[in-house]
Amino acid sequence: MIRASALEEDLKQLPYGDMTIVGERGVSLSGGQKARVNLARALYQEADIYLLDDPLSAVDSRVSRHLFDKCIKKHLNGRLRIIVTHQLQYLQQVDHIVVLNEVSKLCKSTN
């Protein structure tokens, strides 16, 4: 899960590896590191359904490709994966695409 989430190099740089305390009382993580840690935590759940809210947005294109190929496609193969993303380059590799238009109308109160 660490490899699929592209966290190997990050863990080597932390003083206590995967036992390093992060957050307010510990080491600060970048946005991309936080996203990948959250992705790794989700993988450990071994769920049947994964709802991934823009997991590729805070990482560079190389890491994005790795996460999509190794994590989303390979590691989560056989599970339902719902991915919200702005990364249009991956659309050719998914089974179904749902496009939401005029989302603001969906969010308005019906009172």
N, C-alpha and C. Protein backbone atom coordinates (compact mmCIF):
# COMPACT_ATOMS: atom_id res chain seq x y z
N MET A 1 0.82 -1.18 0.00
CA MET A 1 0.00 0.00 0.00
C MET A 1 0.87 1.26 0.00
N ILE A 2 2.01 1.17 0.67
CA ILE A 2 2.94 2.28 0.68
C ILE A 2 3.47 2.52 -0.73
N ARG A 3 3.84 1.45 -1.40
CA ARG A 3 4.36 1.56 -2.77
C ARG A 3 3.28 2.06 -3.72
N ALA A 4 2.07 1.52 -3.62
CA ALA A 4 0.98 1.93 -4.50
C ALA A 4 0.63 3.39 -4.30
N SER A 5 0.80 3.89 -3.08
CA SER A 5 0.49 5.29 -2.76
C SER A 5 1.68 6.22 -2.97
N ALA A 6 2.76 5.70 -3.51
CA ALA A 6 3.97 6.50 -3.82
C ALA A 6 4.51 7.20 -2.58
N LEU A 7 4.58 6.49 -1.46
CA LEU A 7 5.06 7.08 -0.21
C LEU A 7 6.43 6.57 0.22
N GLU A 8 7.04 5.68 -0.53
CA GLU A 8 8.32 5.09 -0.12
C GLU A 8 9.40 6.14 0.15
N GLU A 9 9.62 7.03 -0.79
CA GLU A 9 10.68 8.04 -0.62
C GLU A 9 10.34 9.01 0.51
N ASP A 10 9.08 9.35 0.65
CA ASP A 10 8.67 10.27 1.72
C ASP A 10 8.96 9.66 3.09
N LEU A 11 8.66 8.39 3.25
CA LEU A 11 8.87 7.73 4.55
C LEU A 11 10.36 7.63 4.89
N LYS A 12 11.20 7.49 3.87
CA LYS A 12 12.64 7.44 4.11
C LYS A 12 13.17 8.77 4.65
N GLN A 13 12.51 9.85 4.29
CA GLN A 13 12.96 11.18 4.70
C GLN A 13 12.44 11.59 6.08
N LEU A 14 11.43 10.90 6.58
CA LEU A 14 10.88 11.25 7.88
C LEU A 14 11.74 10.65 8.98
N PRO A 15 11.90 11.34 10.11
CA PRO A 15 12.83 10.88 11.16
C PRO A 15 12.52 9.49 11.70
N TYR A 16 11.26 9.12 11.78
CA TYR A 16 10.89 7.81 12.31
C TYR A 16 10.06 7.00 11.31
N GLY A 17 10.27 7.28 10.03
CA GLY A 17 9.56 6.53 8.99
C GLY A 17 8.06 6.62 9.16
N ASP A 18 7.39 5.47 9.06
CA ASP A 18 5.93 5.46 9.17
C ASP A 18 5.44 5.65 10.60
N MET A 19 6.35 5.73 11.55
CA MET A 19 5.98 5.98 12.94
C MET A 19 6.13 7.46 13.33
N THR A 20 6.48 8.30 12.38
CA THR A 20 6.65 9.72 12.62
C THR A 20 5.29 10.36 12.90
N ILE A 21 5.24 11.19 13.92
CA ILE A 21 4.01 11.92 14.22
C ILE A 21 3.92 13.10 13.27
N VAL A 22 2.76 13.25 12.65
CA VAL A 22 2.54 14.35 11.72
C VAL A 22 1.38 15.21 12.22
N GLY A 23 1.35 16.41 11.74
CA GLY A 23 0.27 17.32 12.13
C GLY A 23 0.76 18.41 13.04
N GLU A 24 -0.14 18.96 13.86
CA GLU A 24 0.18 20.10 14.72
C GLU A 24 1.36 19.84 15.66
N ARG A 25 1.46 18.64 16.17
CA ARG A 25 2.52 18.34 17.15
C ARG A 25 3.67 17.55 16.55
N GLY A 26 3.68 17.47 15.25
CA GLY A 26 4.73 16.69 14.61
C GLY A 26 5.19 17.35 13.31
N VAL A 27 5.64 16.53 12.41
CA VAL A 27 6.17 16.97 11.12
C VAL A 27 5.02 17.47 10.24
N SER A 28 5.27 18.55 9.52
CA SER A 28 4.28 19.06 8.56
C SER A 28 4.44 18.31 7.24
N LEU A 29 3.32 18.02 6.62
CA LEU A 29 3.34 17.36 5.32
C LEU A 29 2.83 18.33 4.26
N SER A 30 3.31 18.14 3.04
CA SER A 30 2.81 18.94 1.92
C SER A 30 1.40 18.46 1.57
N GLY A 31 0.73 19.21 0.71
CA GLY A 31 -0.61 18.81 0.27
C GLY A 31 -0.58 17.46 -0.44
N GLY A 32 0.43 17.26 -1.28
CA GLY A 32 0.55 15.98 -2.00
C GLY A 32 0.82 14.82 -1.06
N GLN A 33 1.65 15.05 -0.06
CA GLN A 33 1.94 14.00 0.93
C GLN A 33 0.68 13.65 1.73
N LYS A 34 -0.08 14.67 2.11
CA LYS A 34 -1.33 14.43 2.84
C LYS A 34 -2.29 13.61 1.99
N ALA A 35 -2.40 13.96 0.73
CA ALA A 35 -3.30 13.24 -0.18
C ALA A 35 -2.88 11.77 -0.30
N ARG A 36 -1.58 11.53 -0.41
CA ARG A 36 -1.10 10.15 -0.56
C ARG A 36 -1.22 9.36 0.73
N VAL A 37 -1.02 10.01 1.87
CA VAL A 37 -1.24 9.33 3.16
C VAL A 37 -2.70 8.94 3.30
N ASN A 38 -3.61 9.86 2.95
CA ASN A 38 -5.03 9.54 3.01
C ASN A 38 -5.40 8.41 2.06
N LEU A 39 -4.79 8.38 0.90
CA LEU A 39 -5.04 7.31 -0.05
C LEU A 39 -4.54 5.98 0.51
N ALA A 40 -3.36 5.97 1.10
CA ALA A 40 -2.83 4.74 1.71
C ALA A 40 -3.73 4.26 2.84
N ARG A 41 -4.22 5.18 3.66
CA ARG A 41 -5.14 4.81 4.75
C ARG A 41 -6.40 4.16 4.19
N ALA A 42 -6.90 4.70 3.09
CA ALA A 42 -8.09 4.11 2.46
C ALA A 42 -7.80 2.70 1.96
N LEU A 43 -6.62 2.49 1.39
CA LEU A 43 -6.27 1.16 0.87
C LEU A 43 -6.22 0.12 1.98
N TYR A 44 -5.77 0.50 3.16
CA TYR A 44 -5.69 -0.44 4.28
C TYR A 44 -7.07 -0.90 4.74
N GLN A 45 -8.11 -0.17 4.39
CA GLN A 45 -9.47 -0.55 4.80
C GLN A 45 -9.97 -1.78 4.03
N GLU A 46 -9.40 -2.03 2.87
CA GLU A 46 -9.81 -3.15 2.02
C GLU A 46 -11.32 -3.19 1.84
N ALA A 47 -11.88 -2.07 1.40
CA ALA A 47 -13.32 -1.93 1.19
C ALA A 47 -13.71 -2.48 -0.18
N ASP A 48 -15.00 -2.65 -0.36
CA ASP A 48 -15.51 -3.08 -1.66
C ASP A 48 -15.74 -1.89 -2.59
N ILE A 49 -15.98 -0.72 -1.99
CA ILE A 49 -16.27 0.49 -2.75
C ILE A 49 -15.35 1.61 -2.26
N TYR A 50 -14.74 2.32 -3.21
CA TYR A 50 -13.87 3.45 -2.90
C TYR A 50 -14.41 4.69 -3.60
N LEU A 51 -14.67 5.74 -2.85
CA LEU A 51 -15.05 7.04 -3.39
C LEU A 51 -13.86 7.96 -3.20
N LEU A 52 -13.19 8.28 -4.29
CA LEU A 52 -11.95 9.06 -4.24
C LEU A 52 -12.23 10.46 -4.77
N ASP A 53 -12.17 11.44 -3.88
CA ASP A 53 -12.45 12.82 -4.24
C ASP A 53 -11.17 13.53 -4.66
N ASP A 54 -10.95 13.57 -5.95
CA ASP A 54 -9.81 14.24 -6.57
C ASP A 54 -8.47 13.86 -5.95
N PRO A 55 -8.14 12.56 -5.90
CA PRO A 55 -6.91 12.10 -5.26
C PRO A 55 -5.64 12.48 -6.02
N LEU A 56 -5.78 12.96 -7.24
CA LEU A 56 -4.62 13.27 -8.08
C LEU A 56 -4.34 14.76 -8.18
N SER A 57 -5.12 15.58 -7.51
CA SER A 57 -5.02 17.03 -7.71
C SER A 57 -3.80 17.67 -7.05
N ALA A 58 -3.32 17.13 -5.95
CA ALA A 58 -2.24 17.79 -5.20
C ALA A 58 -0.85 17.23 -5.52
N VAL A 59 -0.75 16.41 -6.56
CA VAL A 59 0.53 15.78 -6.89
C VAL A 59 0.95 16.16 -8.31
N ASP A 60 2.24 16.00 -8.60
CA ASP A 60 2.73 16.33 -9.94
C ASP A 60 2.32 15.24 -10.93
N SER A 61 2.58 15.47 -12.20
CA SER A 61 2.10 14.56 -13.25
C SER A 61 2.73 13.17 -13.15
N ARG A 62 3.99 13.08 -12.73
CA ARG A 62 4.64 11.77 -12.59
C ARG A 62 3.98 10.95 -11.48
N VAL A 63 3.76 11.58 -10.33
CA VAL A 63 3.12 10.90 -9.21
C VAL A 63 1.67 10.60 -9.53
N SER A 64 1.01 11.51 -10.23
CA SER A 64 -0.38 11.30 -10.64
C SER A 64 -0.50 10.04 -11.49
N ARG A 65 0.40 9.89 -12.45
CA ARG A 65 0.41 8.70 -13.32
C ARG A 65 0.63 7.44 -12.49
N HIS A 66 1.59 7.49 -11.55
CA HIS A 66 1.87 6.35 -10.69
C HIS A 66 0.63 5.97 -9.87
N LEU A 67 -0.01 6.97 -9.25
CA LEU A 67 -1.18 6.69 -8.42
C LEU A 67 -2.31 6.10 -9.24
N PHE A 68 -2.51 6.64 -10.44
CA PHE A 68 -3.59 6.12 -11.27
C PHE A 68 -3.30 4.68 -11.71
N ASP A 69 -2.08 4.44 -12.19
CA ASP A 69 -1.74 3.11 -12.70
C ASP A 69 -1.60 2.07 -11.59
N LYS A 70 -0.79 2.37 -10.59
CA LYS A 70 -0.44 1.37 -9.57
C LYS A 70 -1.49 1.24 -8.47
N CYS A 71 -2.11 2.34 -8.12
CA CYS A 71 -3.05 2.33 -7.01
C CYS A 71 -4.49 2.11 -7.49
N ILE A 72 -4.97 3.03 -8.29
CA ILE A 72 -6.38 3.00 -8.69
C ILE A 72 -6.67 1.85 -9.64
N LYS A 73 -5.86 1.68 -10.67
CA LYS A 73 -6.12 0.62 -11.64
C LYS A 73 -5.69 -0.76 -11.14
N LYS A 74 -4.47 -0.86 -10.63
CA LYS A 74 -3.93 -2.18 -10.27
C LYS A 74 -4.34 -2.63 -8.87
N HIS A 75 -4.00 -1.85 -7.85
CA HIS A 75 -4.26 -2.28 -6.47
C HIS A 75 -5.76 -2.39 -6.18
N LEU A 76 -6.54 -1.49 -6.73
CA LEU A 76 -7.99 -1.50 -6.47
C LEU A 76 -8.77 -2.24 -7.55
N ASN A 77 -8.08 -2.96 -8.40
CA ASN A 77 -8.74 -3.74 -9.44
C ASN A 77 -9.73 -4.72 -8.82
N GLY A 78 -10.91 -4.80 -9.39
CA GLY A 78 -11.93 -5.71 -8.88
C GLY A 78 -12.85 -5.08 -7.85
N ARG A 79 -12.58 -3.83 -7.50
CA ARG A 79 -13.43 -3.11 -6.55
C ARG A 79 -14.08 -1.95 -7.28
N LEU A 80 -15.23 -1.54 -6.79
CA LEU A 80 -15.90 -0.38 -7.37
C LEU A 80 -15.12 0.87 -6.97
N ARG A 81 -14.69 1.63 -7.98
CA ARG A 81 -13.92 2.85 -7.76
C ARG A 81 -14.66 4.01 -8.40
N ILE A 82 -15.10 4.94 -7.58
CA ILE A 82 -15.74 6.15 -8.07
C ILE A 82 -14.74 7.28 -7.84
N ILE A 83 -14.32 7.90 -8.92
CA ILE A 83 -13.26 8.90 -8.85
C ILE A 83 -13.79 10.24 -9.34
N VAL A 84 -13.68 11.24 -8.50
CA VAL A 84 -13.99 12.61 -8.89
C VAL A 84 -12.65 13.24 -9.25
N THR A 85 -12.53 13.74 -10.47
CA THR A 85 -11.24 14.29 -10.89
C THR A 85 -11.38 15.33 -11.98
N HIS A 86 -10.38 16.17 -12.07
CA HIS A 86 -10.26 17.12 -13.16
C HIS A 86 -9.17 16.65 -14.13
N GLN A 87 -8.59 15.51 -13.88
CA GLN A 87 -7.49 14.97 -14.68
C GLN A 87 -8.07 14.24 -15.90
N LEU A 88 -8.37 14.98 -16.94
CA LEU A 88 -9.06 14.44 -18.11
C LEU A 88 -8.24 13.41 -18.88
N GLN A 89 -6.93 13.41 -18.71
CA GLN A 89 -6.08 12.47 -19.45
C GLN A 89 -6.35 11.02 -19.09
N TYR A 90 -7.02 10.77 -17.98
CA TYR A 90 -7.29 9.39 -17.55
C TYR A 90 -8.66 8.88 -18.00
N LEU A 91 -9.47 9.71 -18.61
CA LEU A 91 -10.83 9.33 -18.96
C LEU A 91 -10.89 8.16 -19.94
N GLN A 92 -9.91 8.04 -20.81
CA GLN A 92 -9.91 6.95 -21.79
C GLN A 92 -9.74 5.58 -21.13
N GLN A 93 -9.29 5.56 -19.88
CA GLN A 93 -8.99 4.29 -19.22
C GLN A 93 -10.04 3.87 -18.20
N VAL A 94 -11.16 4.57 -18.14
CA VAL A 94 -12.19 4.22 -17.17
C VAL A 94 -13.37 3.55 -17.87
N ASP A 95 -14.19 2.87 -17.09
CA ASP A 95 -15.33 2.14 -17.66
C ASP A 95 -16.52 3.04 -17.95
N HIS A 96 -16.80 3.99 -17.06
CA HIS A 96 -17.95 4.88 -17.21
C HIS A 96 -17.55 6.29 -16.82
N ILE A 97 -18.17 7.24 -17.49
CA ILE A 97 -17.91 8.65 -17.20
C ILE A 97 -19.26 9.32 -16.92
N VAL A 98 -19.32 10.05 -15.82
CA VAL A 98 -20.50 10.83 -15.49
C VAL A 98 -20.07 12.28 -15.44
N VAL A 99 -20.73 13.12 -16.22
CA VAL A 99 -20.40 14.54 -16.25
C VAL A 99 -21.53 15.29 -15.56
N LEU A 100 -21.15 16.11 -14.57
CA LEU A 100 -22.14 16.92 -13.87
C LEU A 100 -22.07 18.34 -14.44
N ASN A 101 -23.19 18.80 -14.95
CA ASN A 101 -23.29 20.17 -15.44
C ASN A 101 -24.21 20.95 -14.51
N GLU A 102 -23.92 22.20 -14.36
CA GLU A 102 -24.77 23.09 -13.57
C GLU A 102 -25.00 22.52 -12.17
N VAL A 103 -23.93 22.16 -11.52
CA VAL A 103 -23.99 21.58 -10.18
C VAL A 103 -24.66 22.54 -9.22
N SER A 104 -24.52 23.83 -9.42
CA SER A 104 -25.11 24.80 -8.50
C SER A 104 -26.62 24.63 -8.41
N LYS A 105 -27.27 24.22 -9.48
CA LYS A 105 -28.71 23.98 -9.44
C LYS A 105 -29.04 22.79 -8.54
N LEU A 106 -28.15 21.81 -8.50
CA LEU A 106 -28.38 20.63 -7.68
C LEU A 106 -28.24 20.97 -6.19
N CYS A 107 -27.44 21.96 -5.88
CA CYS A 107 -27.16 22.30 -4.49
C CYS A 107 -28.16 23.30 -3.89
N LYS A 108 -28.99 23.91 -4.69
CA LYS A 108 -29.94 24.90 -4.18
C LYS A 108 -31.05 24.23 -3.38
N SER A 109 -31.49 24.93 -2.39
CA SER A 109 -32.57 24.44 -1.55
C SER A 109 -33.87 24.37 -2.35
N THR A 110 -34.70 23.40 -2.06
CA THR A 110 -35.98 23.24 -2.76
C THR A 110 -37.13 23.81 -1.93
N ASN A 111 -36.83 24.63 -0.93
CA ASN A 111 -37.87 25.21 -0.08
C ASN A 111 -38.69 26.23 -0.81
